N, C-alpha and C. Protein backbone atom coordinates (compact mmCIF):
# COMPACT_ATOMS: atom_id res chain seq x y z
N MET A 1 99.85 162.32 158.41
CA MET A 1 99.72 163.62 158.36
C MET A 1 98.40 164.04 158.25
N ARG A 2 97.97 165.02 158.96
CA ARG A 2 96.67 165.42 159.07
C ARG A 2 96.51 166.84 158.26
N PHE A 3 95.52 167.03 157.57
CA PHE A 3 95.38 168.21 156.73
C PHE A 3 94.28 168.97 157.57
N GLY A 4 94.62 170.01 158.15
CA GLY A 4 93.76 171.03 158.96
C GLY A 4 92.39 170.85 158.54
N PRO A 5 91.53 171.86 159.07
CA PRO A 5 91.86 173.02 159.94
C PRO A 5 92.27 172.47 161.30
N PHE A 6 93.07 173.52 161.89
CA PHE A 6 93.47 173.14 163.26
C PHE A 6 92.94 174.23 164.15
N THR A 7 92.59 173.77 165.29
CA THR A 7 92.07 174.82 166.50
C THR A 7 93.40 175.55 167.00
N ALA A 8 93.23 176.62 167.77
CA ALA A 8 94.36 177.47 168.25
C ALA A 8 95.16 176.46 169.10
N GLY A 9 94.48 175.55 169.98
CA GLY A 9 95.25 174.70 170.76
C GLY A 9 96.09 173.62 170.15
N GLU A 10 95.49 173.12 168.84
CA GLU A 10 96.19 172.03 168.11
C GLU A 10 97.38 172.81 167.17
N ALA A 11 97.16 173.94 166.76
CA ALA A 11 98.08 174.53 165.94
C ALA A 11 99.77 174.46 166.26
N PRO A 12 99.92 174.83 167.35
CA PRO A 12 101.49 174.73 167.77
C PRO A 12 102.12 173.24 167.52
N ALA A 13 101.26 172.24 167.97
CA ALA A 13 101.87 170.91 167.89
C ALA A 13 101.90 170.50 166.32
N ALA A 14 100.81 170.81 165.55
CA ALA A 14 100.74 170.50 164.12
C ALA A 14 101.96 171.32 163.45
N LEU A 15 102.34 172.50 163.83
CA LEU A 15 103.49 173.16 163.12
C LEU A 15 104.67 172.53 163.48
N GLU A 16 104.81 172.22 164.66
CA GLU A 16 106.04 171.63 165.09
C GLU A 16 106.05 170.06 164.49
N ASN A 17 105.08 169.17 164.24
CA ASN A 17 105.13 168.14 163.45
C ASN A 17 105.54 168.42 161.87
N LEU A 18 104.86 169.46 161.34
CA LEU A 18 105.25 169.77 160.03
C LEU A 18 106.65 170.22 159.78
N LEU A 19 107.22 171.03 160.60
CA LEU A 19 108.55 171.34 160.59
C LEU A 19 109.52 170.24 160.66
N GLY A 20 109.12 169.28 161.77
CA GLY A 20 110.17 168.14 161.88
C GLY A 20 110.09 167.20 160.62
N GLU A 21 108.90 167.06 160.01
CA GLU A 21 108.81 166.30 158.90
C GLU A 21 109.53 167.01 157.52
N LEU A 22 109.41 168.27 157.50
CA LEU A 22 110.06 168.85 156.17
C LEU A 22 111.58 169.18 156.35
N GLY A 23 112.05 169.23 157.59
CA GLY A 23 113.37 169.47 157.76
C GLY A 23 113.90 170.97 157.99
N PRO A 24 114.99 171.15 158.55
CA PRO A 24 115.42 172.41 158.87
C PRO A 24 115.58 173.57 157.64
N ASP A 25 115.88 172.95 156.49
CA ASP A 25 116.10 173.76 155.38
C ASP A 25 115.00 174.20 154.56
N THR A 26 113.78 173.93 155.20
CA THR A 26 112.69 174.18 154.28
C THR A 26 111.79 175.45 154.98
N ALA A 27 111.45 176.37 153.97
CA ALA A 27 110.71 177.55 154.26
C ALA A 27 109.36 177.19 154.44
N VAL A 28 108.49 177.64 155.39
CA VAL A 28 107.13 177.60 155.55
C VAL A 28 106.46 178.73 155.53
N THR A 29 105.37 179.01 154.78
CA THR A 29 104.44 180.20 154.82
C THR A 29 103.25 179.74 155.35
N ILE A 30 102.57 180.51 156.45
CA ILE A 30 101.37 180.39 156.87
C ILE A 30 100.45 181.34 156.53
N GLY A 31 99.32 181.07 155.95
CA GLY A 31 98.27 181.83 155.56
C GLY A 31 96.84 181.33 155.74
N THR A 32 95.95 182.06 155.22
CA THR A 32 94.47 181.60 155.24
C THR A 32 94.36 180.97 153.90
N VAL A 33 93.24 180.13 153.87
CA VAL A 33 92.65 179.47 152.79
C VAL A 33 91.20 179.89 152.73
N PRO A 34 90.66 180.28 151.56
CA PRO A 34 89.37 180.58 151.39
C PRO A 34 88.51 179.44 151.40
N ALA A 35 87.06 179.57 151.78
CA ALA A 35 86.31 178.49 151.99
C ALA A 35 86.04 178.00 150.58
N LEU A 36 85.90 178.79 149.52
CA LEU A 36 85.85 178.22 148.16
C LEU A 36 87.23 178.41 147.31
N LEU A 37 87.70 177.54 146.73
CA LEU A 37 88.93 177.48 146.04
C LEU A 37 88.75 177.53 144.62
N THR A 38 89.83 178.13 143.79
CA THR A 38 89.67 178.06 142.33
C THR A 38 90.39 176.69 142.01
N ILE A 39 90.31 176.34 140.78
CA ILE A 39 90.91 175.21 140.44
C ILE A 39 92.40 175.18 140.50
N PRO A 40 93.22 176.37 140.19
CA PRO A 40 94.45 176.46 140.55
C PRO A 40 94.79 176.27 141.95
N GLN A 41 94.05 176.97 142.97
CA GLN A 41 94.31 176.95 144.26
C GLN A 41 94.14 175.28 144.88
N ALA A 42 93.08 174.81 144.18
CA ALA A 42 92.85 173.19 144.63
C ALA A 42 94.06 172.43 144.22
N ALA A 43 94.66 172.81 143.03
CA ALA A 43 95.65 172.12 142.55
C ALA A 43 96.91 172.12 143.43
N ASP A 44 96.99 173.42 143.84
CA ASP A 44 98.26 173.69 144.90
C ASP A 44 98.13 172.89 146.07
N VAL A 45 96.87 172.93 146.62
CA VAL A 45 96.63 172.19 147.89
C VAL A 45 96.87 170.65 147.59
N LEU A 46 96.42 170.18 146.62
CA LEU A 46 96.48 168.71 146.18
C LEU A 46 98.07 168.25 145.72
N GLY A 47 98.54 169.23 145.40
CA GLY A 47 100.06 168.96 144.64
C GLY A 47 99.90 168.30 143.36
N CYS A 48 99.06 168.67 142.56
CA CYS A 48 98.77 168.02 141.31
C CYS A 48 98.58 169.17 140.16
N SER A 49 98.26 168.93 138.99
CA SER A 49 98.12 169.91 137.95
C SER A 49 96.71 170.50 138.03
N ARG A 50 96.46 171.59 137.45
CA ARG A 50 95.12 172.24 137.28
C ARG A 50 94.21 171.20 136.25
N ALA A 51 94.89 170.68 135.42
CA ALA A 51 94.20 169.73 134.50
C ALA A 51 93.59 168.58 135.20
N HIS A 52 94.32 168.17 136.17
CA HIS A 52 93.89 166.77 136.90
C HIS A 52 92.75 167.27 137.72
N VAL A 53 92.78 168.44 138.36
CA VAL A 53 91.85 168.89 139.32
C VAL A 53 90.40 169.16 138.37
N ALA A 54 90.51 169.79 137.30
CA ALA A 54 89.48 170.13 136.26
C ALA A 54 88.98 168.67 135.97
N ARG A 55 89.79 167.73 135.80
CA ARG A 55 89.12 166.35 135.29
C ARG A 55 88.36 165.70 136.53
N LEU A 56 88.78 165.87 137.88
CA LEU A 56 88.21 165.48 138.99
C LEU A 56 86.82 166.13 139.08
N VAL A 57 86.78 167.32 138.66
CA VAL A 57 85.59 168.00 138.70
C VAL A 57 84.46 167.56 137.62
N ASP A 58 85.16 167.43 136.58
CA ASP A 58 84.36 167.08 135.29
C ASP A 58 83.72 165.69 135.46
N THR A 59 84.60 164.71 135.99
CA THR A 59 84.14 163.26 136.35
C THR A 59 83.07 163.21 137.66
N GLY A 60 83.09 164.28 138.45
CA GLY A 60 82.29 164.21 139.67
C GLY A 60 83.01 163.72 140.94
N ALA A 61 84.44 163.49 140.73
CA ALA A 61 84.95 163.01 142.11
C ALA A 61 85.31 164.12 142.88
N LEU A 62 85.17 165.38 142.47
CA LEU A 62 85.28 166.47 143.36
C LEU A 62 84.11 167.45 142.87
N ALA A 63 83.23 167.86 143.97
CA ALA A 63 82.20 168.57 143.66
C ALA A 63 82.53 169.96 143.46
N ALA A 64 81.85 170.68 142.56
CA ALA A 64 82.32 172.12 142.30
C ALA A 64 80.96 172.98 142.11
N GLU A 65 80.99 174.16 142.21
CA GLU A 65 79.90 175.18 141.91
C GLU A 65 80.44 176.27 141.07
N PHE A 66 79.51 176.74 140.06
CA PHE A 66 80.09 177.75 139.20
C PHE A 66 79.71 179.00 139.78
N HIS A 67 80.78 180.05 139.44
CA HIS A 67 80.45 181.30 139.96
C HIS A 67 80.91 182.01 138.64
N GLY A 68 79.77 182.52 137.93
CA GLY A 68 80.04 183.01 136.39
C GLY A 68 80.49 181.83 135.55
N LEU A 69 81.68 181.94 134.99
CA LEU A 69 82.20 181.01 134.15
C LEU A 69 83.27 180.16 134.89
N HIS A 70 83.52 180.60 136.14
CA HIS A 70 84.60 179.88 136.84
C HIS A 70 84.13 178.95 137.88
N ARG A 71 84.82 177.78 137.94
CA ARG A 71 84.46 176.76 138.93
C ARG A 71 85.18 176.97 140.31
N ARG A 72 84.39 176.64 141.35
CA ARG A 72 85.03 176.73 142.67
C ARG A 72 84.62 175.60 143.47
N VAL A 73 85.65 174.97 144.26
CA VAL A 73 85.57 173.87 144.84
C VAL A 73 85.67 174.15 146.42
N ALA A 74 84.80 173.40 147.35
CA ALA A 74 84.89 173.72 148.80
C ALA A 74 86.23 173.36 149.19
N ARG A 75 86.68 174.21 150.04
CA ARG A 75 88.11 173.82 150.80
C ARG A 75 87.91 172.47 151.61
N SER A 76 86.73 172.28 152.24
CA SER A 76 86.67 171.07 152.89
C SER A 76 86.62 169.75 152.02
N ASP A 77 86.14 169.97 150.90
CA ASP A 77 86.21 168.81 149.81
C ASP A 77 87.54 168.46 149.42
N VAL A 78 88.31 169.60 149.12
CA VAL A 78 89.71 169.44 148.84
C VAL A 78 90.64 168.85 150.00
N LEU A 79 90.49 169.25 151.00
CA LEU A 79 91.12 168.68 152.27
C LEU A 79 90.71 167.35 152.44
N ALA A 80 89.52 166.96 152.28
CA ALA A 80 88.98 165.68 152.53
C ALA A 80 89.64 164.56 151.40
N LEU A 81 89.75 165.21 150.29
CA LEU A 81 90.33 164.53 149.04
C LEU A 81 91.74 164.21 149.46
N ALA A 82 92.48 165.33 149.74
CA ALA A 82 93.84 165.15 150.15
C ALA A 82 94.20 164.18 151.24
N GLU A 83 93.37 164.02 152.20
CA GLU A 83 93.67 163.14 153.36
C GLU A 83 93.19 161.78 152.76
N ARG A 84 92.37 161.38 151.97
CA ARG A 84 91.93 160.14 151.37
C ARG A 84 93.25 159.69 150.54
N ARG A 85 93.66 160.75 149.71
CA ARG A 85 94.81 160.28 148.80
C ARG A 85 96.02 160.04 149.66
N ALA A 86 96.26 160.64 150.85
CA ALA A 86 97.59 160.42 151.57
C ALA A 86 97.27 159.02 152.28
N GLN A 87 96.11 158.52 152.82
CA GLN A 87 95.85 157.40 153.35
C GLN A 87 96.10 156.29 152.25
N VAL A 88 95.64 156.55 151.09
CA VAL A 88 95.78 155.40 149.92
C VAL A 88 97.31 155.33 149.75
N VAL A 89 98.03 156.42 149.59
CA VAL A 89 99.46 156.38 149.17
C VAL A 89 100.10 155.53 150.31
N ALA A 90 99.79 155.89 151.48
CA ALA A 90 100.54 155.16 152.87
C ALA A 90 100.18 153.81 152.72
N GLU A 91 98.90 153.43 152.58
CA GLU A 91 98.60 151.85 152.54
C GLU A 91 99.41 151.31 151.31
N VAL A 92 99.45 151.81 150.20
CA VAL A 92 100.06 151.22 149.04
C VAL A 92 101.56 151.00 149.38
N LEU A 93 102.25 152.11 150.02
CA LEU A 93 103.68 152.09 150.16
C LEU A 93 103.91 150.99 151.22
N ASP A 94 103.03 150.89 152.26
CA ASP A 94 103.17 149.76 153.35
C ASP A 94 103.04 148.44 152.67
N ASN A 95 102.12 148.24 151.81
CA ASN A 95 101.85 146.91 151.18
C ASN A 95 103.15 146.62 150.40
N LEU A 96 103.74 147.56 149.63
CA LEU A 96 104.93 147.36 148.89
C LEU A 96 106.00 147.14 149.63
N ALA A 97 106.16 147.64 150.63
CA ALA A 97 107.22 147.36 151.62
C ALA A 97 107.28 146.00 152.26
N ASP A 98 105.94 145.59 152.60
CA ASP A 98 105.67 144.26 153.09
C ASP A 98 105.96 143.25 151.87
N LEU A 99 105.63 143.41 150.65
CA LEU A 99 105.94 142.63 149.63
C LEU A 99 107.38 142.37 149.39
N ALA A 100 108.03 143.47 149.36
CA ALA A 100 109.52 143.50 149.16
C ALA A 100 110.12 142.60 150.31
N HIS A 101 109.88 142.88 151.55
CA HIS A 101 110.27 142.15 152.76
C HIS A 101 109.88 140.64 152.68
N ARG A 102 108.84 140.20 152.16
CA ARG A 102 108.49 138.91 151.96
C ARG A 102 109.24 138.21 150.82
N GLU A 103 109.48 138.86 149.83
CA GLU A 103 110.25 138.39 148.68
C GLU A 103 111.68 138.41 148.86
N GLY A 104 112.15 138.89 150.00
CA GLY A 104 113.66 139.16 150.14
C GLY A 104 114.39 140.12 149.47
N LEU A 105 113.55 141.14 148.99
CA LEU A 105 114.10 142.24 148.35
C LEU A 105 114.56 143.42 149.36
N TYR A 106 114.32 143.27 150.49
CA TYR A 106 114.56 144.30 151.48
C TYR A 106 115.68 143.99 152.30
N ASP A 107 116.76 144.72 152.47
CA ASP A 107 117.89 144.57 153.03
C ASP A 107 117.90 145.42 154.26
N PRO A 108 117.79 145.11 155.51
CA PRO A 108 117.95 146.07 156.64
C PRO A 108 119.18 146.53 156.70
N PHE A 109 119.49 147.88 157.41
CA PHE A 109 120.68 148.45 157.38
C PHE A 109 121.33 147.73 158.83
């Protein structure tokens, strides 16, 4: 899965892929995402808690800038992190499936 942004030419194919992956009973909302995200907005994009995003910022894993007392993270940084996480998850799941197959724990249908 690719995490945007998409050009106008790429958007129809990306939307078609997304709808195909999510299934026919899923509602999808299309909207704009600001260049700087709040911690809750970044958590929504990453699919994790606000506390986890705050921890990522506090440890330096996700860069942030302060606007008054509020932290903001760059949309590009959040999307890059989401893509890296998706790649790691896919790799781990592939390795787990390979291990299960090698150990005889996998029954093909």
